[in-house]
PDB file of N, CA and C in Angstrom:
ATOM      1  N   MET A   1      -3.529   0.487 -34.137  1.00  0.00           N
ATOM      2  CA  MET A   1      -4.155   1.745 -33.774  1.00  0.00           C
ATOM      3  C   MET A   1      -4.771   1.674 -32.376  1.00  0.00           C
ATOM      4  N   VAL A   2      -5.437   0.551 -32.065  1.00  0.00           N
ATOM      5  CA  VAL A   2      -6.067   0.398 -30.758  1.00  0.00           C
ATOM      6  C   VAL A   2      -5.009   0.294 -29.672  1.00  0.00           C
ATOM      7  N   LYS A   3      -3.902  -0.394 -29.957  1.00  0.00           N
ATOM      8  CA  LYS A   3      -2.839  -0.540 -28.973  1.00  0.00           C
ATOM      9  C   LYS A   3      -2.249   0.814 -28.602  1.00  0.00           C
ATOM     10  N   LEU A   4      -2.133   1.701 -29.567  1.00  0.00           N
ATOM     11  CA  LEU A   4      -1.589   3.032 -29.307  1.00  0.00           C
ATOM     12  C   LEU A   4      -2.476   3.805 -28.331  1.00  0.00           C
ATOM     13  N   LYS A   5      -3.787   3.697 -28.486  1.00  0.00           N
ATOM     14  CA  LYS A   5      -4.698   4.380 -27.568  1.00  0.00           C
ATOM     15  C   LYS A   5      -4.603   3.799 -26.168  1.00  0.00           C
ATOM     16  N   MET A   6      -4.496   2.465 -26.071  1.00  0.00           N
ATOM     17  CA  MET A   6      -4.395   1.829 -24.757  1.00  0.00           C
ATOM     18  C   MET A   6      -3.097   2.218 -24.057  1.00  0.00           C
ATOM     19  N   ASP A   7      -2.020   2.377 -24.824  1.00  0.00           N
ATOM     20  CA  ASP A   7      -0.746   2.786 -24.236  1.00  0.00           C
ATOM     21  C   ASP A   7      -0.833   4.195 -23.649  1.00  0.00           C
ATOM     22  N   ALA A   8      -1.679   5.022 -24.208  1.00  0.00           N
ATOM     23  CA  ALA A   8      -1.839   6.381 -23.699  1.00  0.00           C
ATOM     24  C   ALA A   8      -2.809   6.432 -22.521  1.00  0.00           C
ATOM     25  N   ILE A   9      -3.793   5.538 -22.494  1.00  0.00           N
ATOM     26  CA  ILE A   9      -4.830   5.561 -21.465  1.00  0.00           C
ATOM     27  C   ILE A   9      -4.408   4.803 -20.208  1.00  0.00           C
ATOM     28  N   LEU A  10      -3.665   3.713 -20.368  1.00  0.00           N
ATOM     29  CA  LEU A  10      -3.324   2.853 -19.236  1.00  0.00           C
ATOM     30  C   LEU A  10      -2.589   3.576 -18.101  1.00  0.00           C
ATOM     31  N   PRO A  11      -1.591   4.424 -18.366  1.00  0.00           N
ATOM     32  CA  PRO A  11      -0.946   5.144 -17.253  1.00  0.00           C
ATOM     33  C   PRO A  11      -1.910   6.043 -16.489  1.00  0.00           C
ATOM     34  N   LYS A  12      -2.867   6.637 -17.180  1.00  0.00           N
ATOM     35  CA  LYS A  12      -3.846   7.501 -16.508  1.00  0.00           C
ATOM     36  C   LYS A  12      -4.762   6.675 -15.622  1.00  0.00           C
ATOM     37  N   ILE A  13      -5.127   5.488 -16.064  1.00  0.00           N
ATOM     38  CA  ILE A  13      -5.969   4.603 -15.255  1.00  0.00           C
ATOM     39  C   ILE A  13      -5.209   4.151 -14.016  1.00  0.00           C
ATOM     40  N   LYS A  14      -3.950   3.795 -14.183  1.00  0.00           N
ATOM     41  CA  LYS A  14      -3.128   3.364 -13.046  1.00  0.00           C
ATOM     42  C   LYS A  14      -2.971   4.486 -12.027  1.00  0.00           C
ATOM     43  N   LEU A  15      -2.719   5.703 -12.508  1.00  0.00           N
ATOM     44  CA  LEU A  15      -2.563   6.845 -11.609  1.00  0.00           C
ATOM     45  C   LEU A  15      -3.866   7.127 -10.865  1.00  0.00           C
ATOM     46  N   SER A  16      -4.986   7.059 -11.575  1.00  0.00           N
ATOM     47  CA  SER A  16      -6.282   7.296 -10.936  1.00  0.00           C
ATOM     48  C   SER A  16      -6.561   6.242  -9.864  1.00  0.00           C
ATOM     49  N   ALA A  17      -6.284   4.981 -10.165  1.00  0.00           N
ATOM     50  CA  ALA A  17      -6.497   3.911  -9.192  1.00  0.00           C
ATOM     51  C   ALA A  17      -5.593   4.094  -7.983  1.00  0.00           C
ATOM     52  N   LEU A  18      -4.354   4.491  -8.207  1.00  0.00           N
ATOM     53  CA  LEU A  18      -3.427   4.724  -7.104  1.00  0.00           C
ATOM     54  C   LEU A  18      -3.890   5.871  -6.219  1.00  0.00           C
ATOM     55  N   LEU A  19      -4.381   6.937  -6.823  1.00  0.00           N
ATOM     56  CA  LEU A  19      -4.880   8.077  -6.047  1.00  0.00           C
ATOM     57  C   LEU A  19      -6.117   7.700  -5.234  1.00  0.00           C
ATOM     58  N   VAL A  20      -7.026   6.924  -5.819  1.00  0.00           N
ATOM     59  CA  VAL A  20      -8.217   6.477  -5.092  1.00  0.00           C
ATOM     60  C   VAL A  20      -7.817   5.600  -3.909  1.00  0.00           C
ATOM     61  N   LEU A  21      -6.889   4.676  -4.123  1.00  0.00           N
ATOM     62  CA  LEU A  21      -6.427   3.817  -3.027  1.00  0.00           C
ATOM     63  C   LEU A  21      -5.717   4.627  -1.945  1.00  0.00           C
ATOM     64  N   ALA A  22      -4.955   5.630  -2.332  1.00  0.00           N
ATOM     65  CA  ALA A  22      -4.267   6.469  -1.348  1.00  0.00           C
ATOM     66  C   ALA A  22      -5.268   7.247  -0.497  1.00  0.00           C
ATOM     67  N   VAL A  23      -6.276   7.827  -1.124  1.00  0.00           N
ATOM     68  CA  VAL A  23      -7.299   8.573  -0.376  1.00  0.00           C
ATOM     69  C   VAL A  23      -8.073   7.639   0.556  1.00  0.00           C
ATOM     70  N   LEU A  24      -8.463   6.470   0.066  1.00  0.00           N
ATOM     71  CA  LEU A  24      -9.174   5.514   0.919  1.00  0.00           C
ATOM     72  C   LEU A  24      -8.310   5.058   2.090  1.00  0.00           C
ATOM     73  N   SER A  25      -7.021   4.868   1.854  1.00  0.00           N
ATOM     74  CA  SER A  25      -6.116   4.467   2.934  1.00  0.00           C
ATOM     75  C   SER A  25      -6.013   5.550   4.001  1.00  0.00           C
ATOM     76  N   VAL A  26      -5.881   6.793   3.587  1.00  0.00           N
ATOM     77  CA  VAL A  26      -5.782   7.901   4.546  1.00  0.00           C
ATOM     78  C   VAL A  26      -7.073   8.022   5.355  1.00  0.00           C
ATOM     79  N   VAL A  27      -8.222   7.909   4.696  1.00  0.00           N
ATOM     80  CA  VAL A  27      -9.508   7.984   5.405  1.00  0.00           C
ATOM     81  C   VAL A  27      -9.619   6.851   6.414  1.00  0.00           C
ATOM     82  N   LEU A  28      -9.262   5.641   5.999  1.00  0.00           N
ATOM     83  CA  LEU A  28      -9.334   4.489   6.901  1.00  0.00           C
ATOM     84  C   LEU A  28      -8.418   4.672   8.102  1.00  0.00           C
ATOM     85  N   ILE A  29      -7.220   5.153   7.865  1.00  0.00           N
ATOM     86  CA  ILE A  29      -6.266   5.345   8.956  1.00  0.00           C
ATOM     87  C   ILE A  29      -6.746   6.421   9.922  1.00  0.00           C
ATOM     88  N   LEU A  30      -7.235   7.532   9.410  1.00  0.00           N
ATOM     89  CA  LEU A  30      -7.645   8.642  10.277  1.00  0.00           C
ATOM     90  C   LEU A  30      -8.916   8.353  11.069  1.00  0.00           C
ATOM     91  N   GLN A  31      -9.728   7.415  10.614  1.00  0.00           N
ATOM     92  CA  GLN A  31     -10.955   7.099  11.344  1.00  0.00           C
ATOM     93  C   GLN A  31     -10.726   6.086  12.464  1.00  0.00           C
ATOM     94  N   ASN A  32      -9.556   5.508  12.553  1.00  0.00           N
ATOM     95  CA  ASN A  32      -9.277   4.495  13.568  1.00  0.00           C
ATOM     96  C   ASN A  32      -8.187   4.992  14.510  1.00  0.00           C
ATOM     97  N   THR A  33      -8.599   5.764  15.512  1.00  0.00           N
ATOM     98  CA  THR A  33      -7.616   6.378  16.412  1.00  0.00           C
ATOM     99  C   THR A  33      -7.569   5.728  17.793  1.00  0.00           C
ATOM    100  N   GLN A  34      -8.388   4.724  18.058  1.00  0.00           N
ATOM    101  CA  GLN A  34      -8.397   4.114  19.385  1.00  0.00           C
ATOM    102  C   GLN A  34      -7.116   3.297  19.619  1.00  0.00           C
ATOM    103  N   MET A  35      -6.771   3.131  20.872  1.00  0.00           N
ATOM    104  CA  MET A  35      -5.566   2.391  21.242  1.00  0.00           C
ATOM    105  C   MET A  35      -5.827   0.889  21.123  1.00  0.00           C
ATOM    106  N   VAL A  36      -4.827   0.176  20.639  1.00  0.00           N
ATOM    107  CA  VAL A  36      -4.891  -1.282  20.556  1.00  0.00           C
ATOM    108  C   VAL A  36      -3.588  -1.847  21.090  1.00  0.00           C
ATOM    109  N   VAL A  37      -3.654  -3.078  21.568  1.00  0.00           N
ATOM    110  CA  VAL A  37      -2.459  -3.781  22.013  1.00  0.00           C
ATOM    111  C   VAL A  37      -2.165  -4.859  20.983  1.00  0.00           C
ATOM    112  N   THR A  38      -0.973  -4.796  20.421  1.00  0.00           N
ATOM    113  CA  THR A  38      -0.548  -5.759  19.417  1.00  0.00           C
ATOM    114  C   THR A  38       0.485  -6.679  20.033  1.00  0.00           C
ATOM    115  N   ARG A  39       0.255  -7.976  19.858  1.00  0.00           N
ATOM    116  CA  ARG A  39       1.198  -8.945  20.411  1.00  0.00           C
ATOM    117  C   ARG A  39       1.897  -9.656  19.261  1.00  0.00           C
ATOM    118  N   LEU A  40       3.217  -9.663  19.321  1.00  0.00           N
ATOM    119  CA  LEU A  40       4.035 -10.369  18.358  1.00  0.00           C
ATOM    120  C   LEU A  40       4.994 -11.254  19.137  1.00  0.00           C
ATOM    121  N   LEU A  41       4.718 -12.549  19.098  1.00  0.00           N
ATOM    122  CA  LEU A  41       5.455 -13.545  19.868  1.00  0.00           C
ATOM    123  C   LEU A  41       5.389 -13.196  21.353  1.00  0.00           C
ATOM    124  N   PHE A  42       6.483 -12.690  21.924  1.00  0.00           N
ATOM    125  CA  PHE A  42       6.501 -12.425  23.363  1.00  0.00           C
ATOM    126  C   PHE A  42       6.428 -10.945  23.707  1.00  0.00           C
ATOM    127  N   VAL A  43       6.242 -10.102  22.730  1.00  0.00           N
ATOM    128  CA  VAL A  43       6.245  -8.658  22.937  1.00  0.00           C
ATOM    129  C   VAL A  43       4.836  -8.108  22.724  1.00  0.00           C
ATOM    130  N   SER A  44       4.378  -7.280  23.661  1.00  0.00           N
ATOM    131  CA  SER A  44       3.101  -6.587  23.517  1.00  0.00           C
ATOM    132  C   SER A  44       3.372  -5.093  23.382  1.00  0.00           C
ATOM    133  N   ILE A  45       2.775  -4.506  22.355  1.00  0.00           N
ATOM    134  CA  ILE A  45       2.989  -3.076  22.095  1.00  0.00           C
ATOM    135  C   ILE A  45       1.632  -2.400  22.027  1.00  0.00           C
ATOM    136  N   GLY A  46       1.451  -1.326  22.810  1.00  0.00           N
ATOM    137  CA  GLY A  46       0.235  -0.535  22.751  1.00  0.00           C
ATOM    138  C   GLY A  46       0.463   0.675  21.865  1.00  0.00           C
ATOM    139  N   MET A  47      -0.439   0.881  20.899  1.00  0.00           N
ATOM    140  CA  MET A  47      -0.307   2.015  19.982  1.00  0.00           C
ATOM    141  C   MET A  47      -1.665   2.332  19.395  1.00  0.00           C
ATOM    142  N   PRO A  48      -1.834   3.525  18.860  1.00  0.00           N
ATOM    143  CA  PRO A  48      -3.098   3.828  18.175  1.00  0.00           C
ATOM    144  C   PRO A  48      -3.249   2.934  16.943  1.00  0.00           C
ATOM    145  N   LEU A  49      -4.470   2.543  16.668  1.00  0.00           N
ATOM    146  CA  LEU A  49      -4.729   1.698  15.510  1.00  0.00           C
ATOM    147  C   LEU A  49      -4.307   2.384  14.222  1.00  0.00           C
ATOM    148  N   ALA A  50      -4.414   3.713  14.168  1.00  0.00           N
ATOM    149  CA  ALA A  50      -3.991   4.458  12.979  1.00  0.00           C
ATOM    150  C   ALA A  50      -2.503   4.237  12.698  1.00  0.00           C
ATOM    151  N   ALA A  51      -1.684   4.235  13.737  1.00  0.00           N
ATOM    152  CA  ALA A  51      -0.249   4.009  13.557  1.00  0.00           C
ATOM    153  C   ALA A  51       0.019   2.591  13.068  1.00  0.00           C
ATOM    154  N   LEU A  52      -0.695   1.631  13.618  1.00  0.00           N
ATOM    155  CA  LEU A  52      -0.528   0.247  13.191  1.00  0.00           C
ATOM    156  C   LEU A  52      -0.935   0.071  11.731  1.00  0.00           C
ATOM    157  N   LEU A  53      -2.053   0.691  11.337  1.00  0.00           N
ATOM    158  CA  LEU A  53      -2.504   0.603   9.944  1.00  0.00           C
ATOM    159  C   LEU A  53      -1.507   1.276   9.004  1.00  0.00           C
ATOM    160  N   ALA A  54      -0.988   2.438   9.392  1.00  0.00           N
ATOM    161  CA  ALA A  54      -0.011   3.136   8.555  1.00  0.00           C
ATOM    162  C   ALA A  54       1.264   2.305   8.418  1.00  0.00           C
ATOM    163  N   PHE A  55       1.700   1.697   9.515  1.00  0.00           N
ATOM    164  CA  PHE A  55       2.905   0.870   9.490  1.00  0.00           C
ATOM    165  C   PHE A  55       2.721  -0.326   8.561  1.00  0.00           C
ATOM    166  N   THR A  56       1.592  -1.014   8.665  1.00  0.00           N
ATOM    167  CA  THR A  56       1.365  -2.171   7.803  1.00  0.00           C
ATOM    168  C   THR A  56       1.207  -1.757   6.340  1.00  0.00           C
ATOM    169  N   LEU A  57       0.638  -0.572   6.096  1.00  0.00           N
ATOM    170  CA  LEU A  57       0.529  -0.068   4.726  1.00  0.00           C
ATOM    171  C   LEU A  57       1.915   0.162   4.125  1.00  0.00           C
ATOM    172  N   VAL A  58       2.801   0.784   4.888  1.00  0.00           N
ATOM    173  CA  VAL A  58       4.161   1.063   4.402  1.00  0.00           C
ATOM    174  C   VAL A  58       4.937  -0.234   4.198  1.00  0.00           C
ATOM    175  N   VAL A  59       4.823  -1.167   5.131  1.00  0.00           N
ATOM    176  CA  VAL A  59       5.529  -2.448   4.998  1.00  0.00           C
ATOM    177  C   VAL A  59       5.012  -3.220   3.785  1.00  0.00           C
ATOM    178  N   GLY A  60       3.709  -3.242   3.587  1.00  0.00           N
ATOM    179  CA  GLY A  60       3.142  -3.934   2.439  1.00  0.00           C
ATOM    180  C   GLY A  60       3.552  -3.300   1.122  1.00  0.00           C
ATOM    181  N   PHE A  61       3.574  -1.981   1.068  1.00  0.00           N
ATOM    182  CA  PHE A  61       3.999  -1.273  -0.144  1.00  0.00           C
ATOM    183  C   PHE A  61       5.465  -1.578  -0.442  1.00  0.00           C
ATOM    184  N   ALA A  62       6.307  -1.524   0.592  1.00  0.00           N
ATOM    185  CA  ALA A  62       7.730  -1.810   0.400  1.00  0.00           C
ATOM    186  C   ALA A  62       7.941  -3.253  -0.053  1.00  0.00           C
ATOM    187  N   ALA A  63       7.193  -4.181   0.515  1.00  0.00           N
ATOM    188  CA  ALA A  63       7.316  -5.581   0.097  1.00  0.00           C
ATOM    189  C   ALA A  63       6.913  -5.751  -1.364  1.00  0.00           C
ATOM    190  N   GLY A  64       5.880  -5.062  -1.789  1.00  0.00           N
ATOM    191  CA  GLY A  64       5.461  -5.131  -3.185  1.00  0.00           C
ATOM    192  C   GLY A  64       6.497  -4.558  -4.131  1.00  0.00           C
ATOM    193  N   VAL A  65       7.104  -3.449  -3.748  1.00  0.00           N
ATOM    194  CA  VAL A  65       8.142  -2.834  -4.581  1.00  0.00           C
ATOM    195  C   VAL A  65       9.344  -3.767  -4.688  1.00  0.00           C
ATOM    196  N   PHE A  66       9.791  -4.318  -3.566  1.00  0.00           N
ATOM    197  CA  PHE A  66      10.940  -5.217  -3.600  1.00  0.00           C
ATOM    198  C   PHE A  66      10.639  -6.493  -4.372  1.00  0.00           C
ATOM    199  N   ALA A  67       9.428  -7.020  -4.244  1.00  0.00           N
ATOM    200  CA  ALA A  67       9.058  -8.226  -4.988  1.00  0.00           C
ATOM    201  C   ALA A  67       9.031  -7.953  -6.485  1.00  0.00           C
ATOM    202  N   SER A  68       8.494  -6.816  -6.891  1.00  0.00           N
ATOM    203  CA  SER A  68       8.463  -6.505  -8.323  1.00  0.00           C
ATOM    204  C   SER A  68       9.867  -6.264  -8.863  1.00  0.00           C
ATOM    205  N   MET A  69      10.734  -5.661  -8.063  1.00  0.00           N
ATOM    206  CA  MET A  69      12.120  -5.470  -8.493  1.00  0.00           C
ATOM    207  C   MET A  69      12.826  -6.813  -8.646  1.00  0.00           C
ATOM    208  N   TYR A  70      12.581  -7.728  -7.723  1.00  0.00           N
ATOM    209  CA  TYR A  70      13.197  -9.059  -7.769  1.00  0.00           C
ATOM    210  C   TYR A  70      12.722  -9.821  -8.999  1.00  0.00           C
ATOM    211  N   ILE A  71      11.437  -9.764  -9.286  1.00  0.00           N
ATOM    212  CA  ILE A  71      10.880 -10.467 -10.438  1.00  0.00           C
ATOM    213  C   ILE A  71      11.422  -9.869 -11.735  1.00  0.00           C
ATOM    214  N   ALA A  72      11.492  -8.542 -11.804  1.00  0.00           N
ATOM    215  CA  ALA A  72      12.017  -7.887 -13.001  1.00  0.00           C
ATOM    216  C   ALA A  72      13.496  -8.240 -13.216  1.00  0.00           C
ATOM    217  N   LYS A  73      14.236  -8.344 -12.116  1.00  0.00           N
ATOM    218  CA  LYS A  73      15.658  -8.677 -12.220  1.00  0.00           C
ATOM    219  C   LYS A  73      15.835 -10.120 -12.686  1.00  0.00           C
ATOM    220  N   ARG A  74      14.960 -11.014 -12.221  1.00  0.00           N
ATOM    221  CA  ARG A  74      15.061 -12.424 -12.634  1.00  0.00           C
ATOM    222  C   ARG A  74      14.733 -12.598 -14.111  1.00  0.00           C
ATOM    223  N   LYS A  75      13.812 -11.790 -14.642  1.00  0.00           N
ATOM    224  CA  LYS A  75      13.406 -11.907 -16.043  1.00  0.00           C
ATOM    225  C   LYS A  75      14.502 -11.414 -16.986  1.00  0.00           C
ATOM    226  N   SER A  76      15.304 -10.470 -16.527  1.00  0.00           N
ATOM    227  CA  SER A  76      16.341  -9.924 -17.438  1.00  0.00           C
ATOM    228  C   SER A  76      17.658 -10.656 -17.320  1.00  0.00           C
TER     229      SER A  76
END
């Protein structure tokens, strides 16, 4: 009986946590608009910090999705 309730509540908790993280990410990105210079090996790129934060957020999200897909594929 308890497991049935948790199965119904857990997706709502996950969705709420995802929405809170999304809102916090947008606020963080929009508050950092100053220009920064990013150096990667021999290349220097000047861009707004908001763009850099958004780029790293997307790359990190994509890496997490691909890692979870890889792990799920290995288990089956």
